[in-house]
Amino acid sequence: MLVEIAKNNPKFTKFNKEAFIIPDAILAEFYGIVLREWDEQTAEYWFRKMGTFAQQTTKELLKEAVKFRHENKAKNLSFFDAVGYVYAVKNGHKFLTGDKDFEGLPNVEFVKK
């Protein structure tokens, strides 16, 4: 979702105007993606912009994300997506994603890229 916002994907721009929560592990992954695909200046910009929405994750949550990923290994979910999903479920939020492997799961708002 964050990368799609950074790319100005019209399907995701409406979410740029809403308050949302980003687990800090996801923010770190996002920083790395922007750094790889653009440059450090752009990565710093987005890190600051999205950092206001970041929330800490606990070690227990990270462990639960690993278990969730293991239980769903047939879907080949990324660790970071598993963290985001488990965080959302545990905190009563929707998990916004364009990853088709999450489509149909509880607490998911799926937006096709």
N, C-alpha and C. Protein backbone atom coordinates (compact mmCIF):
# COMPACT_ATOMS: atom_id res chain seq x y z
N MET A 1 0.81 -1.18 0.00
CA MET A 1 0.00 0.00 0.00
C MET A 1 0.86 1.26 0.00
N LEU A 2 1.87 1.33 0.86
CA LEU A 2 2.70 2.52 0.96
C LEU A 2 3.43 2.81 -0.35
N VAL A 3 3.92 1.77 -0.99
CA VAL A 3 4.63 1.96 -2.26
C VAL A 3 3.66 2.50 -3.31
N GLU A 4 2.44 2.00 -3.31
CA GLU A 4 1.44 2.47 -4.27
C GLU A 4 1.09 3.94 -4.01
N ILE A 5 1.05 4.35 -2.75
CA ILE A 5 0.83 5.76 -2.43
C ILE A 5 2.00 6.58 -2.94
N ALA A 6 3.21 6.11 -2.71
CA ALA A 6 4.41 6.83 -3.17
C ALA A 6 4.45 6.93 -4.70
N LYS A 7 3.95 5.91 -5.37
CA LYS A 7 3.91 5.91 -6.84
C LYS A 7 2.74 6.72 -7.39
N ASN A 8 1.92 7.23 -6.48
CA ASN A 8 0.75 8.02 -6.85
C ASN A 8 -0.28 7.20 -7.62
N ASN A 9 -0.39 5.92 -7.29
CA ASN A 9 -1.38 5.05 -7.91
C ASN A 9 -2.77 5.58 -7.54
N PRO A 10 -3.59 5.96 -8.53
CA PRO A 10 -4.89 6.56 -8.24
C PRO A 10 -5.80 5.67 -7.39
N LYS A 11 -5.61 4.37 -7.44
CA LYS A 11 -6.43 3.47 -6.64
C LYS A 11 -6.12 3.59 -5.14
N PHE A 12 -4.96 4.15 -4.82
CA PHE A 12 -4.54 4.24 -3.43
C PHE A 12 -4.44 5.67 -2.91
N THR A 13 -4.55 6.67 -3.78
CA THR A 13 -4.34 8.05 -3.33
C THR A 13 -5.38 8.50 -2.30
N LYS A 14 -6.57 7.93 -2.33
CA LYS A 14 -7.57 8.31 -1.33
C LYS A 14 -7.11 7.96 0.08
N PHE A 15 -6.28 6.94 0.21
CA PHE A 15 -5.80 6.54 1.53
C PHE A 15 -4.74 7.48 2.06
N ASN A 16 -4.14 8.27 1.17
CA ASN A 16 -3.14 9.25 1.58
C ASN A 16 -3.77 10.38 2.39
N LYS A 17 -5.08 10.53 2.27
CA LYS A 17 -5.79 11.59 2.97
C LYS A 17 -6.43 11.10 4.26
N GLU A 18 -6.29 9.82 4.57
CA GLU A 18 -6.89 9.24 5.77
C GLU A 18 -5.80 8.91 6.78
N ALA A 19 -6.17 8.95 8.04
CA ALA A 19 -5.24 8.52 9.09
C ALA A 19 -5.17 7.00 9.05
N PHE A 20 -3.98 6.47 9.17
CA PHE A 20 -3.81 5.03 9.23
C PHE A 20 -2.63 4.71 10.13
N ILE A 21 -2.47 3.45 10.41
CA ILE A 21 -1.40 3.00 11.30
C ILE A 21 -0.45 2.11 10.52
N ILE A 22 0.84 2.33 10.75
CA ILE A 22 1.87 1.51 10.10
C ILE A 22 2.73 0.90 11.20
N PRO A 23 2.78 -0.43 11.30
CA PRO A 23 3.74 -1.02 12.24
C PRO A 23 5.16 -0.59 11.86
N ASP A 24 5.99 -0.31 12.84
CA ASP A 24 7.33 0.21 12.56
C ASP A 24 8.16 -0.70 11.67
N ALA A 25 7.92 -1.99 11.75
CA ALA A 25 8.65 -2.92 10.87
C ALA A 25 8.29 -2.67 9.40
N ILE A 26 7.04 -2.34 9.15
CA ILE A 26 6.59 -2.05 7.78
C ILE A 26 7.21 -0.74 7.30
N LEU A 27 7.30 0.24 8.19
CA LEU A 27 7.93 1.50 7.83
C LEU A 27 9.38 1.28 7.42
N ALA A 28 10.08 0.42 8.14
CA ALA A 28 11.47 0.12 7.81
C ALA A 28 11.56 -0.57 6.44
N GLU A 29 10.66 -1.51 6.18
CA GLU A 29 10.66 -2.18 4.88
C GLU A 29 10.38 -1.16 3.77
N PHE A 30 9.42 -0.28 3.99
CA PHE A 30 9.06 0.74 3.01
C PHE A 30 10.25 1.64 2.71
N TYR A 31 10.96 2.05 3.75
CA TYR A 31 12.15 2.88 3.56
C TYR A 31 13.14 2.18 2.62
N GLY A 32 13.35 0.89 2.86
CA GLY A 32 14.28 0.12 2.03
C GLY A 32 13.83 0.03 0.58
N ILE A 33 12.55 -0.14 0.36
CA ILE A 33 12.02 -0.23 -1.00
C ILE A 33 12.21 1.10 -1.73
N VAL A 34 11.87 2.20 -1.05
CA VAL A 34 12.00 3.52 -1.69
C VAL A 34 13.47 3.83 -1.95
N LEU A 35 14.33 3.48 -1.02
CA LEU A 35 15.77 3.69 -1.20
C LEU A 35 16.28 2.92 -2.43
N ARG A 36 15.81 1.69 -2.58
CA ARG A 36 16.23 0.84 -3.70
C ARG A 36 15.67 1.34 -5.04
N GLU A 37 14.38 1.75 -5.03
CA GLU A 37 13.72 2.11 -6.29
C GLU A 37 13.91 3.57 -6.70
N TRP A 38 14.19 4.45 -5.74
CA TRP A 38 14.39 5.86 -6.04
C TRP A 38 15.77 6.28 -5.55
N ASP A 39 15.82 6.97 -4.42
CA ASP A 39 17.10 7.42 -3.87
C ASP A 39 16.94 7.75 -2.38
N GLU A 40 18.04 8.11 -1.73
CA GLU A 40 18.00 8.36 -0.29
C GLU A 40 17.13 9.56 0.06
N GLN A 41 17.20 10.60 -0.72
CA GLN A 41 16.40 11.80 -0.45
C GLN A 41 14.91 11.48 -0.47
N THR A 42 14.49 10.71 -1.46
CA THR A 42 13.09 10.31 -1.57
C THR A 42 12.71 9.39 -0.41
N ALA A 43 13.60 8.47 -0.07
CA ALA A 43 13.34 7.56 1.06
C ALA A 43 13.19 8.35 2.35
N GLU A 44 14.03 9.35 2.58
CA GLU A 44 13.94 10.17 3.79
C GLU A 44 12.62 10.95 3.83
N TYR A 45 12.23 11.48 2.68
CA TYR A 45 10.97 12.22 2.60
C TYR A 45 9.80 11.34 3.03
N TRP A 46 9.71 10.16 2.43
CA TRP A 46 8.59 9.26 2.74
C TRP A 46 8.68 8.71 4.15
N PHE A 47 9.89 8.49 4.64
CA PHE A 47 10.06 7.99 6.01
C PHE A 47 9.50 9.02 7.00
N ARG A 48 9.84 10.28 6.78
CA ARG A 48 9.32 11.35 7.67
C ARG A 48 7.81 11.48 7.54
N LYS A 49 7.33 11.48 6.30
CA LYS A 49 5.89 11.64 6.05
C LYS A 49 5.08 10.51 6.66
N MET A 50 5.50 9.28 6.46
CA MET A 50 4.75 8.12 6.96
C MET A 50 5.10 7.78 8.41
N GLY A 51 6.23 8.29 8.87
CA GLY A 51 6.66 8.01 10.24
C GLY A 51 5.69 8.50 11.29
N THR A 52 4.90 9.51 10.96
CA THR A 52 3.92 10.01 11.93
C THR A 52 2.82 9.00 12.20
N PHE A 53 2.67 8.03 11.33
CA PHE A 53 1.64 7.00 11.48
C PHE A 53 2.19 5.70 12.09
N ALA A 54 3.49 5.66 12.36
CA ALA A 54 4.13 4.42 12.81
C ALA A 54 3.84 4.11 14.28
N GLN A 55 3.65 2.83 14.54
CA GLN A 55 3.43 2.32 15.89
C GLN A 55 4.40 1.17 16.13
N GLN A 56 4.87 1.07 17.36
CA GLN A 56 5.82 0.00 17.69
C GLN A 56 5.14 -1.36 17.67
N THR A 57 5.92 -2.35 17.30
CA THR A 57 5.46 -3.73 17.37
C THR A 57 6.22 -4.43 18.49
N THR A 58 5.55 -5.35 19.14
CA THR A 58 6.18 -6.09 20.23
C THR A 58 6.86 -7.34 19.69
N LYS A 59 7.72 -7.89 20.48
CA LYS A 59 8.36 -9.16 20.09
C LYS A 59 7.33 -10.26 19.98
N GLU A 60 6.32 -10.23 20.84
CA GLU A 60 5.25 -11.24 20.77
C GLU A 60 4.51 -11.15 19.45
N LEU A 61 4.23 -9.94 19.00
CA LEU A 61 3.53 -9.77 17.73
C LEU A 61 4.40 -10.28 16.58
N LEU A 62 5.69 -9.99 16.63
CA LEU A 62 6.59 -10.48 15.58
C LEU A 62 6.58 -12.01 15.54
N LYS A 63 6.56 -12.61 16.71
CA LYS A 63 6.51 -14.08 16.79
C LYS A 63 5.20 -14.60 16.21
N GLU A 64 4.09 -13.93 16.53
CA GLU A 64 2.80 -14.34 15.99
C GLU A 64 2.77 -14.19 14.47
N ALA A 65 3.43 -13.17 13.96
CA ALA A 65 3.50 -12.98 12.51
C ALA A 65 4.27 -14.13 11.85
N VAL A 66 5.34 -14.57 12.49
CA VAL A 66 6.10 -15.70 11.97
C VAL A 66 5.22 -16.95 11.96
N LYS A 67 4.46 -17.17 13.03
CA LYS A 67 3.55 -18.32 13.09
C LYS A 67 2.48 -18.23 12.00
N PHE A 68 1.91 -17.04 11.83
CA PHE A 68 0.89 -16.84 10.80
C PHE A 68 1.45 -17.16 9.42
N ARG A 69 2.64 -16.67 9.17
CA ARG A 69 3.30 -16.92 7.88
C ARG A 69 3.54 -18.42 7.69
N HIS A 70 3.98 -19.09 8.75
CA HIS A 70 4.23 -20.52 8.69
C HIS A 70 2.93 -21.29 8.42
N GLU A 71 1.86 -20.88 9.10
CA GLU A 71 0.56 -21.55 8.93
C GLU A 71 0.00 -21.33 7.52
N ASN A 72 0.45 -20.31 6.86
CA ASN A 72 -0.02 -19.98 5.51
C ASN A 72 1.09 -20.07 4.48
N LYS A 73 2.02 -21.00 4.69
CA LYS A 73 3.21 -21.07 3.83
C LYS A 73 2.87 -21.36 2.37
N ALA A 74 1.73 -21.94 2.11
CA ALA A 74 1.34 -22.20 0.72
C ALA A 74 1.10 -20.89 -0.04
N LYS A 75 0.81 -19.82 0.69
CA LYS A 75 0.55 -18.53 0.05
C LYS A 75 1.83 -17.72 -0.19
N ASN A 76 2.94 -18.13 0.38
CA ASN A 76 4.22 -17.44 0.19
C ASN A 76 4.14 -15.95 0.56
N LEU A 77 3.59 -15.68 1.76
CA LEU A 77 3.45 -14.32 2.25
C LEU A 77 4.79 -13.79 2.73
N SER A 78 5.01 -12.50 2.55
CA SER A 78 6.25 -11.92 3.06
C SER A 78 6.14 -11.76 4.58
N PHE A 79 7.26 -11.74 5.24
CA PHE A 79 7.28 -11.52 6.69
C PHE A 79 6.64 -10.18 7.03
N PHE A 80 6.97 -9.14 6.28
CA PHE A 80 6.46 -7.81 6.57
C PHE A 80 4.95 -7.73 6.39
N ASP A 81 4.42 -8.39 5.36
CA ASP A 81 2.97 -8.42 5.18
C ASP A 81 2.31 -9.18 6.33
N ALA A 82 2.94 -10.24 6.78
CA ALA A 82 2.41 -10.99 7.92
C ALA A 82 2.39 -10.12 9.17
N VAL A 83 3.42 -9.33 9.39
CA VAL A 83 3.46 -8.41 10.53
C VAL A 83 2.30 -7.42 10.43
N GLY A 84 2.13 -6.82 9.27
CA GLY A 84 1.06 -5.85 9.08
C GLY A 84 -0.31 -6.46 9.31
N TYR A 85 -0.52 -7.66 8.79
CA TYR A 85 -1.81 -8.32 8.94
C TYR A 85 -2.09 -8.66 10.40
N VAL A 86 -1.13 -9.30 11.06
CA VAL A 86 -1.33 -9.69 12.46
C VAL A 86 -1.53 -8.45 13.33
N TYR A 87 -0.76 -7.40 13.06
CA TYR A 87 -0.92 -6.15 13.82
C TYR A 87 -2.35 -5.62 13.65
N ALA A 88 -2.84 -5.59 12.42
CA ALA A 88 -4.19 -5.10 12.16
C ALA A 88 -5.24 -5.93 12.88
N VAL A 89 -5.14 -7.23 12.78
CA VAL A 89 -6.11 -8.12 13.42
C VAL A 89 -6.10 -7.92 14.94
N LYS A 90 -4.91 -7.91 15.53
CA LYS A 90 -4.77 -7.77 16.99
C LYS A 90 -5.31 -6.45 17.51
N ASN A 91 -5.27 -5.42 16.68
CA ASN A 91 -5.67 -4.09 17.12
C ASN A 91 -7.03 -3.64 16.56
N GLY A 92 -7.73 -4.56 15.92
CA GLY A 92 -9.07 -4.27 15.43
C GLY A 92 -9.12 -3.32 14.24
N HIS A 93 -8.09 -3.36 13.41
CA HIS A 93 -8.04 -2.51 12.22
C HIS A 93 -8.16 -3.35 10.97
N LYS A 94 -8.48 -2.73 9.87
CA LYS A 94 -8.44 -3.39 8.57
C LYS A 94 -7.00 -3.38 8.06
N PHE A 95 -6.62 -4.43 7.37
CA PHE A 95 -5.31 -4.52 6.73
C PHE A 95 -5.51 -4.18 5.26
N LEU A 96 -4.99 -3.04 4.84
CA LEU A 96 -5.12 -2.61 3.45
C LEU A 96 -3.97 -3.18 2.64
N THR A 97 -4.31 -3.88 1.57
CA THR A 97 -3.28 -4.51 0.75
C THR A 97 -3.75 -4.69 -0.68
N GLY A 98 -2.79 -4.79 -1.56
CA GLY A 98 -3.04 -5.14 -2.95
C GLY A 98 -2.53 -6.54 -3.25
N ASP A 99 -2.07 -7.24 -2.22
CA ASP A 99 -1.53 -8.59 -2.36
C ASP A 99 -2.68 -9.59 -2.43
N LYS A 100 -2.83 -10.24 -3.58
CA LYS A 100 -3.96 -11.15 -3.79
C LYS A 100 -4.00 -12.32 -2.82
N ASP A 101 -2.86 -12.66 -2.21
CA ASP A 101 -2.85 -13.76 -1.25
C ASP A 101 -3.63 -13.45 0.02
N PHE A 102 -3.92 -12.17 0.26
CA PHE A 102 -4.70 -11.78 1.43
C PHE A 102 -6.18 -11.61 1.12
N GLU A 103 -6.52 -11.60 -0.16
CA GLU A 103 -7.91 -11.40 -0.56
C GLU A 103 -8.79 -12.47 0.08
N GLY A 104 -9.86 -12.02 0.70
CA GLY A 104 -10.80 -12.95 1.33
C GLY A 104 -10.51 -13.27 2.78
N LEU A 105 -9.36 -12.88 3.30
CA LEU A 105 -9.07 -13.11 4.71
C LEU A 105 -9.83 -12.10 5.56
N PRO A 106 -10.17 -12.47 6.80
CA PRO A 106 -10.88 -11.53 7.67
C PRO A 106 -10.02 -10.27 7.93
N ASN A 107 -10.66 -9.15 8.12
CA ASN A 107 -10.00 -7.88 8.44
C ASN A 107 -9.15 -7.33 7.31
N VAL A 108 -9.41 -7.74 6.07
CA VAL A 108 -8.60 -7.29 4.93
C VAL A 108 -9.45 -6.38 4.03
N GLU A 109 -8.87 -5.26 3.66
CA GLU A 109 -9.43 -4.44 2.60
C GLU A 109 -8.49 -4.60 1.41
N PHE A 110 -8.95 -5.35 0.43
CA PHE A 110 -8.14 -5.65 -0.74
C PHE A 110 -8.43 -4.64 -1.83
N VAL A 111 -7.37 -4.01 -2.35
CA VAL A 111 -7.49 -3.08 -3.46
C VAL A 111 -6.55 -3.57 -4.55
N LYS A 112 -7.13 -3.97 -5.67
CA LYS A 112 -6.32 -4.46 -6.79
C LYS A 112 -5.44 -3.34 -7.31
N LYS A 113 -4.15 -3.64 -7.49
CA LYS A 113 -3.19 -2.62 -7.95
C LYS A 113 -3.44 -2.19 -9.37
